[in-house]
């Protein structure tokens, strides 16, 4: 594998040709394609809804994101 392998729970940026939204990793597996990984997880849309989707991506095109890029809500849906 030529790039960083994300861990379960990581927030990553996918290649721009797939999505410009943050992606939460729920599963990681080796791909049949050398240098690629199979990711299971969900995209986080601008309205904070989630879209469950799997991708095969080149590992060297993934970027780890800081969880601080998303707002944190309390139980009353107020931004902290």
PDB file of N, CA and C in Angstrom:
ATOM      1  N   UNK A   1       0.839  -1.176   0.000  1.00  0.00           N
ATOM      2  CA  UNK A   1       0.000   0.000   0.000  1.00  0.00           C
ATOM      3  C   UNK A   1       0.886   1.241   0.000  1.00  0.00           C
ATOM      4  N   UNK A   2       0.562   2.194  -0.835  1.00  0.00           N
ATOM      5  CA  UNK A   2       1.459   3.332  -1.007  1.00  0.00           C
ATOM      6  C   UNK A   2       1.076   4.563  -0.186  1.00  0.00           C
ATOM      7  N   UNK A   3      -0.117   4.617   0.371  1.00  0.00           N
ATOM      8  CA  UNK A   3      -0.540   5.792   1.128  1.00  0.00           C
ATOM      9  C   UNK A   3      -0.956   5.427   2.536  1.00  0.00           C
ATOM     10  N   UNK A   4      -1.388   6.416   3.308  1.00  0.00           N
ATOM     11  CA  UNK A   4      -1.817   6.134   4.677  1.00  0.00           C
ATOM     12  C   UNK A   4      -3.120   5.340   4.685  1.00  0.00           C
ATOM     13  N   UNK A   5      -3.182   4.363   5.555  1.00  0.00           N
ATOM     14  CA  UNK A   5      -4.401   3.560   5.664  1.00  0.00           C
ATOM     15  C   UNK A   5      -5.247   4.144   6.796  1.00  0.00           C
ATOM     16  N   UNK A   6      -6.443   4.601   6.486  1.00  0.00           N
ATOM     17  CA  UNK A   6      -7.276   5.160   7.553  1.00  0.00           C
ATOM     18  C   UNK A   6      -7.731   4.063   8.514  1.00  0.00           C
ATOM     19  N   UNK A   7      -8.059   4.473   9.716  1.00  0.00           N
ATOM     20  CA  UNK A   7      -8.567   3.555  10.734  1.00  0.00           C
ATOM     21  C   UNK A   7     -10.071   3.766  10.885  1.00  0.00           C
ATOM     22  N   UNK A   8     -10.734   2.780  11.452  1.00  0.00           N
ATOM     23  CA  UNK A   8     -12.166   2.904  11.732  1.00  0.00           C
ATOM     24  C   UNK A   8     -12.365   4.098  12.668  1.00  0.00           C
ATOM     25  N   UNK A   9     -13.302   4.947  12.315  1.00  0.00           N
ATOM     26  CA  UNK A   9     -13.584   6.144  13.099  1.00  0.00           C
ATOM     27  C   UNK A   9     -12.939   7.404  12.565  1.00  0.00           C
ATOM     28  N   UNK A  10     -11.953   7.257  11.667  1.00  0.00           N
ATOM     29  CA  UNK A  10     -11.293   8.431  11.096  1.00  0.00           C
ATOM     30  C   UNK A  10     -12.249   9.230  10.223  1.00  0.00           C
ATOM     31  N   UNK A  11     -12.021  10.511  10.178  1.00  0.00           N
ATOM     32  CA  UNK A  11     -12.717  11.405   9.260  1.00  0.00           C
ATOM     33  C   UNK A  11     -11.729  11.718   8.145  1.00  0.00           C
ATOM     34  N   UNK A  12     -12.102  11.420   6.900  1.00  0.00           N
ATOM     35  CA  UNK A  12     -11.176  11.608   5.785  1.00  0.00           C
ATOM     36  C   UNK A  12     -11.808  12.456   4.690  1.00  0.00           C
ATOM     37  N   UNK A  13     -10.934  13.052   3.892  1.00  0.00           N
ATOM     38  CA  UNK A  13     -11.346  13.730   2.663  1.00  0.00           C
ATOM     39  C   UNK A  13     -11.081  12.763   1.526  1.00  0.00           C
ATOM     40  N   UNK A  14     -12.107  12.479   0.760  1.00  0.00           N
ATOM     41  CA  UNK A  14     -11.980  11.601  -0.400  1.00  0.00           C
ATOM     42  C   UNK A  14     -11.409  12.387  -1.572  1.00  0.00           C
ATOM     43  N   UNK A  15     -10.961  11.696  -2.616  1.00  0.00           N
ATOM     44  CA  UNK A  15     -10.567  12.421  -3.830  1.00  0.00           C
ATOM     45  C   UNK A  15     -11.735  13.281  -4.321  1.00  0.00           C
ATOM     46  N   UNK A  16     -11.436  14.470  -4.830  1.00  0.00           N
ATOM     47  CA  UNK A  16     -12.478  15.426  -5.225  1.00  0.00           C
ATOM     48  C   UNK A  16     -13.419  14.889  -6.294  1.00  0.00           C
ATOM     49  N   UNK A  17     -12.953  13.955  -7.114  1.00  0.00           N
ATOM     50  CA  UNK A  17     -13.836  13.419  -8.157  1.00  0.00           C
ATOM     51  C   UNK A  17     -14.913  12.510  -7.572  1.00  0.00           C
ATOM     52  N   UNK A  18     -14.775  12.105  -6.302  1.00  0.00           N
ATOM     53  CA  UNK A  18     -15.808  11.299  -5.649  1.00  0.00           C
ATOM     54  C   UNK A  18     -16.767  12.171  -4.842  1.00  0.00           C
ATOM     55  N   UNK A  19     -16.206  13.036  -4.002  1.00  0.00           N
ATOM     56  CA  UNK A  19     -17.049  13.900  -3.178  1.00  0.00           C
ATOM     57  C   UNK A  19     -16.197  14.989  -2.540  1.00  0.00           C
ATOM     58  N   UNK A  20     -16.836  16.118  -2.270  1.00  0.00           N
ATOM     59  CA  UNK A  20     -16.147  17.185  -1.544  1.00  0.00           C
ATOM     60  C   UNK A  20     -16.598  17.236  -0.088  1.00  0.00           C
ATOM     61  N   UNK A  21     -17.360  16.250   0.347  1.00  0.00           N
ATOM     62  CA  UNK A  21     -17.878  16.197   1.713  1.00  0.00           C
ATOM     63  C   UNK A  21     -16.998  15.304   2.583  1.00  0.00           C
ATOM     64  N   UNK A  22     -16.936  15.550   3.891  1.00  0.00           N
ATOM     65  CA  UNK A  22     -16.176  14.677   4.785  1.00  0.00           C
ATOM     66  C   UNK A  22     -16.785  13.274   4.815  1.00  0.00           C
ATOM     67  N   UNK A  23     -15.958  12.279   5.041  1.00  0.00           N
ATOM     68  CA  UNK A  23     -16.377  10.877   5.022  1.00  0.00           C
ATOM     69  C   UNK A  23     -15.904  10.212   6.309  1.00  0.00           C
ATOM     70  N   UNK A  24     -16.844   9.617   7.069  1.00  0.00           N
ATOM     71  CA  UNK A  24     -16.506   8.901   8.308  1.00  0.00           C
ATOM     72  C   UNK A  24     -16.302   7.429   7.971  1.00  0.00           C
ATOM     73  N   UNK A  25     -15.149   6.896   8.326  1.00  0.00           N
ATOM     74  CA  UNK A  25     -14.783   5.518   8.009  1.00  0.00           C
ATOM     75  C   UNK A  25     -15.368   4.570   9.058  1.00  0.00           C
ATOM     76  N   UNK A  26     -16.138   3.574   8.594  1.00  0.00           N
ATOM     77  CA  UNK A  26     -16.694   2.547   9.472  1.00  0.00           C
ATOM     78  C   UNK A  26     -16.049   1.186   9.245  1.00  0.00           C
ATOM     79  N   UNK A  27     -15.416   0.997   8.090  1.00  0.00           N
ATOM     80  CA  UNK A  27     -14.746  -0.272   7.770  1.00  0.00           C
ATOM     81  C   UNK A  27     -13.644   0.003   6.753  1.00  0.00           C
ATOM     82  N   UNK A  28     -12.540  -0.727   6.896  1.00  0.00           N
ATOM     83  CA  UNK A  28     -11.408  -0.599   5.974  1.00  0.00           C
ATOM     84  C   UNK A  28     -10.963  -1.998   5.588  1.00  0.00           C
ATOM     85  N   UNK A  29     -10.733  -2.214   4.297  1.00  0.00           N
ATOM     86  CA  UNK A  29     -10.243  -3.514   3.822  1.00  0.00           C
ATOM     87  C   UNK A  29      -9.290  -3.280   2.655  1.00  0.00           C
ATOM     88  N   UNK A  30      -8.401  -4.233   2.447  1.00  0.00           N
ATOM     89  CA  UNK A  30      -7.520  -4.170   1.282  1.00  0.00           C
ATOM     90  C   UNK A  30      -8.351  -4.335   0.021  1.00  0.00           C
ATOM     91  N   UNK A  31      -7.938  -3.667  -1.021  1.00  0.00           N
ATOM     92  CA  UNK A  31      -8.586  -3.776  -2.316  1.00  0.00           C
ATOM     93  C   UNK A  31      -7.831  -4.788  -3.163  1.00  0.00           C
ATOM     94  N   UNK A  32      -8.482  -5.274  -4.194  1.00  0.00           N
ATOM     95  CA  UNK A  32      -7.809  -6.144  -5.159  1.00  0.00           C
ATOM     96  C   UNK A  32      -6.828  -5.340  -6.012  1.00  0.00           C
ATOM     97  N   UNK A  33      -6.987  -4.032  -6.040  1.00  0.00           N
ATOM     98  CA  UNK A  33      -6.119  -3.155  -6.821  1.00  0.00           C
ATOM     99  C   UNK A  33      -4.956  -2.715  -5.930  1.00  0.00           C
ATOM    100  N   UNK A  34      -3.731  -2.980  -6.313  1.00  0.00           N
ATOM    101  CA  UNK A  34      -2.583  -2.566  -5.489  1.00  0.00           C
ATOM    102  C   UNK A  34      -2.574  -1.054  -5.254  1.00  0.00           C
ATOM    103  N   UNK A  35      -2.353  -0.655  -3.995  1.00  0.00           N
ATOM    104  CA  UNK A  35      -2.308   0.762  -3.647  1.00  0.00           C
ATOM    105  C   UNK A  35      -3.659   1.374  -3.332  1.00  0.00           C
ATOM    106  N   UNK A  36      -4.719   0.599  -3.440  1.00  0.00           N
ATOM    107  CA  UNK A  36      -6.066   1.094  -3.168  1.00  0.00           C
ATOM    108  C   UNK A  36      -6.600   0.443  -1.891  1.00  0.00           C
ATOM    109  N   UNK A  37      -7.629   1.061  -1.293  1.00  0.00           N
ATOM    110  CA  UNK A  37      -8.327   0.493  -0.139  1.00  0.00           C
ATOM    111  C   UNK A  37      -9.831   0.533  -0.396  1.00  0.00           C
ATOM    112  N   UNK A  38     -10.535  -0.394   0.238  1.00  0.00           N
ATOM    113  CA  UNK A  38     -12.000  -0.406   0.196  1.00  0.00           C
ATOM    114  C   UNK A  38     -12.475   0.213   1.505  1.00  0.00           C
ATOM    115  N   UNK A  39     -13.276   1.276   1.399  1.00  0.00           N
ATOM    116  CA  UNK A  39     -13.795   1.962   2.575  1.00  0.00           C
ATOM    117  C   UNK A  39     -15.301   1.785   2.667  1.00  0.00           C
ATOM    118  N   UNK A  40     -15.769   1.498   3.843  1.00  0.00           N
ATOM    119  CA  UNK A  40     -17.192   1.512   4.148  1.00  0.00           C
ATOM    120  C   UNK A  40     -17.416   2.634   5.144  1.00  0.00           C
ATOM    121  N   UNK A  41     -18.449   3.423   4.933  1.00  0.00           N
ATOM    122  CA  UNK A  41     -18.694   4.525   5.848  1.00  0.00           C
ATOM    123  C   UNK A  41     -19.802   5.418   5.341  1.00  0.00           C
ATOM    124  N   UNK A  42     -19.786   6.667   5.796  1.00  0.00           N
ATOM    125  CA  UNK A  42     -20.840   7.579   5.367  1.00  0.00           C
ATOM    126  C   UNK A  42     -20.294   8.975   5.092  1.00  0.00           C
ATOM    127  N   UNK A  43     -20.890   9.596   4.075  1.00  0.00           N
ATOM    128  CA  UNK A  43     -20.615  10.997   3.763  1.00  0.00           C
ATOM    129  C   UNK A  43     -21.443  11.865   4.696  1.00  0.00           C
ATOM    130  N   UNK A  44     -20.888  12.975   5.114  1.00  0.00           N
ATOM    131  CA  UNK A  44     -21.610  13.920   5.960  1.00  0.00           C
ATOM    132  C   UNK A  44     -21.954  15.125   5.090  1.00  0.00           C
ATOM    133  N   UNK A  45     -23.231  15.280   4.826  1.00  0.00           N
ATOM    134  CA  UNK A  45     -23.688  16.357   3.938  1.00  0.00           C
ATOM    135  C   UNK A  45     -23.674  17.703   4.658  1.00  0.00           C
ATOM    136  N   UNK A  46     -23.849  18.766   3.895  1.00  0.00           N
ATOM    137  CA  UNK A  46     -23.808  20.124   4.448  1.00  0.00           C
ATOM    138  C   UNK A  46     -24.863  20.340   5.534  1.00  0.00           C
ATOM    139  N   UNK A  47     -26.021  19.672   5.412  1.00  0.00           N
ATOM    140  CA  UNK A  47     -27.067  19.808   6.435  1.00  0.00           C
ATOM    141  C   UNK A  47     -26.879  18.801   7.572  1.00  0.00           C
ATOM    142  N   UNK A  48     -25.711  18.127   7.603  1.00  0.00           N
ATOM    143  CA  UNK A  48     -25.296  17.147   8.608  1.00  0.00           C
ATOM    144  C   UNK A  48     -26.053  15.824   8.538  1.00  0.00           C
ATOM    145  N   UNK A  49     -26.836  15.607   7.476  1.00  0.00           N
ATOM    146  CA  UNK A  49     -27.397  14.277   7.274  1.00  0.00           C
ATOM    147  C   UNK A  49     -26.286  13.368   6.760  1.00  0.00           C
ATOM    148  N   UNK A  50     -26.504  12.063   6.878  1.00  0.00           N
ATOM    149  CA  UNK A  50     -25.470  11.097   6.510  1.00  0.00           C
ATOM    150  C   UNK A  50     -25.951  10.233   5.358  1.00  0.00           C
ATOM    151  N   UNK A  51     -25.019   9.883   4.490  1.00  0.00           N
ATOM    152  CA  UNK A  51     -25.318   9.050   3.341  1.00  0.00           C
ATOM    153  C   UNK A  51     -24.345   7.888   3.341  1.00  0.00           C
ATOM    154  N   UNK A  52     -24.856   6.685   3.619  1.00  0.00           N
ATOM    155  CA  UNK A  52     -24.031   5.485   3.710  1.00  0.00           C
ATOM    156  C   UNK A  52     -23.584   5.050   2.322  1.00  0.00           C
ATOM    157  N   UNK A  53     -22.261   4.893   2.135  1.00  0.00           N
ATOM    158  CA  UNK A  53     -21.723   4.541   0.821  1.00  0.00           C
ATOM    159  C   UNK A  53     -20.343   3.901   0.989  1.00  0.00           C
ATOM    160  N   UNK A  54     -20.028   2.947   0.111  1.00  0.00           N
ATOM    161  CA  UNK A  54     -18.711   2.299   0.075  1.00  0.00           C
ATOM    162  C   UNK A  54     -17.937   2.813  -1.132  1.00  0.00           C
ATOM    163  N   UNK A  55     -16.621   2.890  -0.984  1.00  0.00           N
ATOM    164  CA  UNK A  55     -15.761   3.346  -2.073  1.00  0.00           C
ATOM    165  C   UNK A  55     -14.509   2.487  -2.156  1.00  0.00           C
ATOM    166  N   UNK A  56     -13.986   2.342  -3.365  1.00  0.00           N
ATOM    167  CA  UNK A  56     -12.633   1.844  -3.615  1.00  0.00           C
ATOM    168  C   UNK A  56     -11.836   3.078  -4.015  1.00  0.00           C
ATOM    169  N   UNK A  57     -10.793   3.391  -3.250  1.00  0.00           N
ATOM    170  CA  UNK A  57     -10.046   4.623  -3.521  1.00  0.00           C
ATOM    171  C   UNK A  57      -8.549   4.383  -3.454  1.00  0.00           C
ATOM    172  N   UNK A  58      -7.777   5.165  -4.214  1.00  0.00           N
ATOM    173  CA  UNK A  58      -6.322   5.100  -4.079  1.00  0.00           C
ATOM    174  C   UNK A  58      -5.924   5.640  -2.699  1.00  0.00           C
ATOM    175  N   UNK A  59      -5.179   4.865  -1.952  1.00  0.00           N
ATOM    176  CA  UNK A  59      -4.821   5.257  -0.588  1.00  0.00           C
ATOM    177  C   UNK A  59      -4.040   6.565  -0.552  1.00  0.00           C
ATOM    178  N   UNK A  60      -3.226   6.825  -1.567  1.00  0.00           N
ATOM    179  CA  UNK A  60      -2.413   8.043  -1.542  1.00  0.00           C
ATOM    180  C   UNK A  60      -3.218   9.302  -1.873  1.00  0.00           C
ATOM    181  N   UNK A  61      -4.504   9.170  -2.173  1.00  0.00           N
ATOM    182  CA  UNK A  61      -5.349  10.340  -2.437  1.00  0.00           C
ATOM    183  C   UNK A  61      -6.273  10.666  -1.265  1.00  0.00           C
ATOM    184  N   UNK A  62      -6.159   9.917  -0.164  1.00  0.00           N
ATOM    185  CA  UNK A  62      -6.959  10.189   1.028  1.00  0.00           C
ATOM    186  C   UNK A  62      -6.222  11.175   1.925  1.00  0.00           C
ATOM    187  N   UNK A  63      -6.977  12.062   2.558  1.00  0.00           N
ATOM    188  CA  UNK A  63      -6.409  12.980   3.540  1.00  0.00           C
ATOM    189  C   UNK A  63      -7.185  12.836   4.843  1.00  0.00           C
ATOM    190  N   UNK A  64      -6.471  12.690   5.948  1.00  0.00           N
ATOM    191  CA  UNK A  64      -7.119  12.663   7.251  1.00  0.00           C
ATOM    192  C   UNK A  64      -7.555  14.078   7.609  1.00  0.00           C
ATOM    193  N   UNK A  65      -8.767  14.194   8.146  1.00  0.00           N
ATOM    194  CA  UNK A  65      -9.295  15.488   8.578  1.00  0.00           C
ATOM    195  C   UNK A  65      -9.390  15.515  10.094  1.00  0.00           C
ATOM    196  N   UNK A  66      -9.315  16.690  10.644  1.00  0.00           N
ATOM    197  CA  UNK A  66      -9.513  16.880  12.071  1.00  0.00           C
ATOM    198  C   UNK A  66     -11.020  16.883  12.340  1.00  0.00           C
ATOM    199  N   UNK A  67     -11.446  16.245  13.414  1.00  0.00           N
ATOM    200  CA  UNK A  67     -12.876  16.226  13.734  1.00  0.00           C
ATOM    201  C   UNK A  67     -13.434  17.618  14.001  1.00  0.00           C
ATOM    202  N   UNK A  68     -12.580  18.592  14.212  1.00  0.00           N
ATOM    203  CA  UNK A  68     -13.042  19.956  14.482  1.00  0.00           C
ATOM    204  C   UNK A  68     -13.639  20.632  13.247  1.00  0.00           C
ATOM    205  N   UNK A  69     -13.540  20.010  12.064  1.00  0.00           N
ATOM    206  CA  UNK A  69     -14.124  20.631  10.869  1.00  0.00           C
ATOM    207  C   UNK A  69     -15.643  20.566  10.887  1.00  0.00           C
ATOM    208  N   UNK A  70     -16.216  19.723  11.745  1.00  0.00           N
ATOM    209  CA  UNK A  70     -17.671  19.616  11.845  1.00  0.00           C
ATOM    210  C   UNK A  70     -18.144  20.265  13.137  1.00  0.00           C
ATOM    211  N   UNK A  71     -19.276  20.954  13.106  1.00  0.00           N
ATOM    212  CA  UNK A  71     -19.785  21.537  14.343  1.00  0.00           C
ATOM    213  C   UNK A  71     -20.238  20.447  15.310  1.00  0.00           C
ATOM    214  N   UNK A  72     -20.143  20.738  16.588  1.00  0.00           N
ATOM    215  CA  UNK A  72     -20.583  19.804  17.625  1.00  0.00           C
ATOM    216  C   UNK A  72     -21.904  20.313  18.180  1.00  0.00           C
ATOM    217  N   UNK A  73     -22.908  19.438  18.233  1.00  0.00           N
ATOM    218  CA  UNK A  73     -24.229  19.809  18.723  1.00  0.00           C
ATOM    219  C   UNK A  73     -24.486  19.154  20.065  1.00  0.00           C
ATOM    220  N   UNK A  74     -25.206  19.853  20.939  1.00  0.00           N
ATOM    221  CA  UNK A  74     -25.663  19.211  22.157  1.00  0.00           C
ATOM    222  C   UNK A  74     -27.026  18.568  21.875  1.00  0.00           C
ATOM    223  N   UNK A  75     -27.660  18.008  22.888  1.00  0.00           N
ATOM    224  CA  UNK A  75     -28.907  17.266  22.675  1.00  0.00           C
ATOM    225  C   UNK A  75     -30.046  18.157  22.178  1.00  0.00           C
ATOM    226  N   UNK A  76     -29.959  19.460  22.375  1.00  0.00           N
ATOM    227  CA  UNK A  76     -30.997  20.378  21.901  1.00  0.00           C
ATOM    228  C   UNK A  76     -30.684  20.903  20.502  1.00  0.00           C
ATOM    229  N   UNK A  77     -29.672  20.315  19.848  1.00  0.00           N
ATOM    230  CA  UNK A  77     -29.258  20.681  18.491  1.00  0.00           C
ATOM    231  C   UNK A  77     -28.740  22.122  18.418  1.00  0.00           C
ATOM    232  N   UNK A  78     -28.133  22.593  19.520  1.00  0.00           N
ATOM    233  CA  UNK A  78     -27.480  23.897  19.516  1.00  0.00           C
ATOM    234  C   UNK A  78     -25.989  23.673  19.319  1.00  0.00           C
ATOM    235  N   UNK A  79     -25.367  24.519  18.525  1.00  0.00           N
ATOM    236  CA  UNK A  79     -23.918  24.406  18.333  1.00  0.00           C
ATOM    237  C   UNK A  79     -23.225  24.827  19.616  1.00  0.00           C
ATOM    238  N   UNK A  80     -22.296  23.991  20.060  1.00  0.00           N
ATOM    239  CA  UNK A  80     -21.529  24.307  21.278  1.00  0.00           C
ATOM    240  C   UNK A  80     -20.408  25.255  20.948  1.00  0.00           C
TER     241      UNK A  80
END
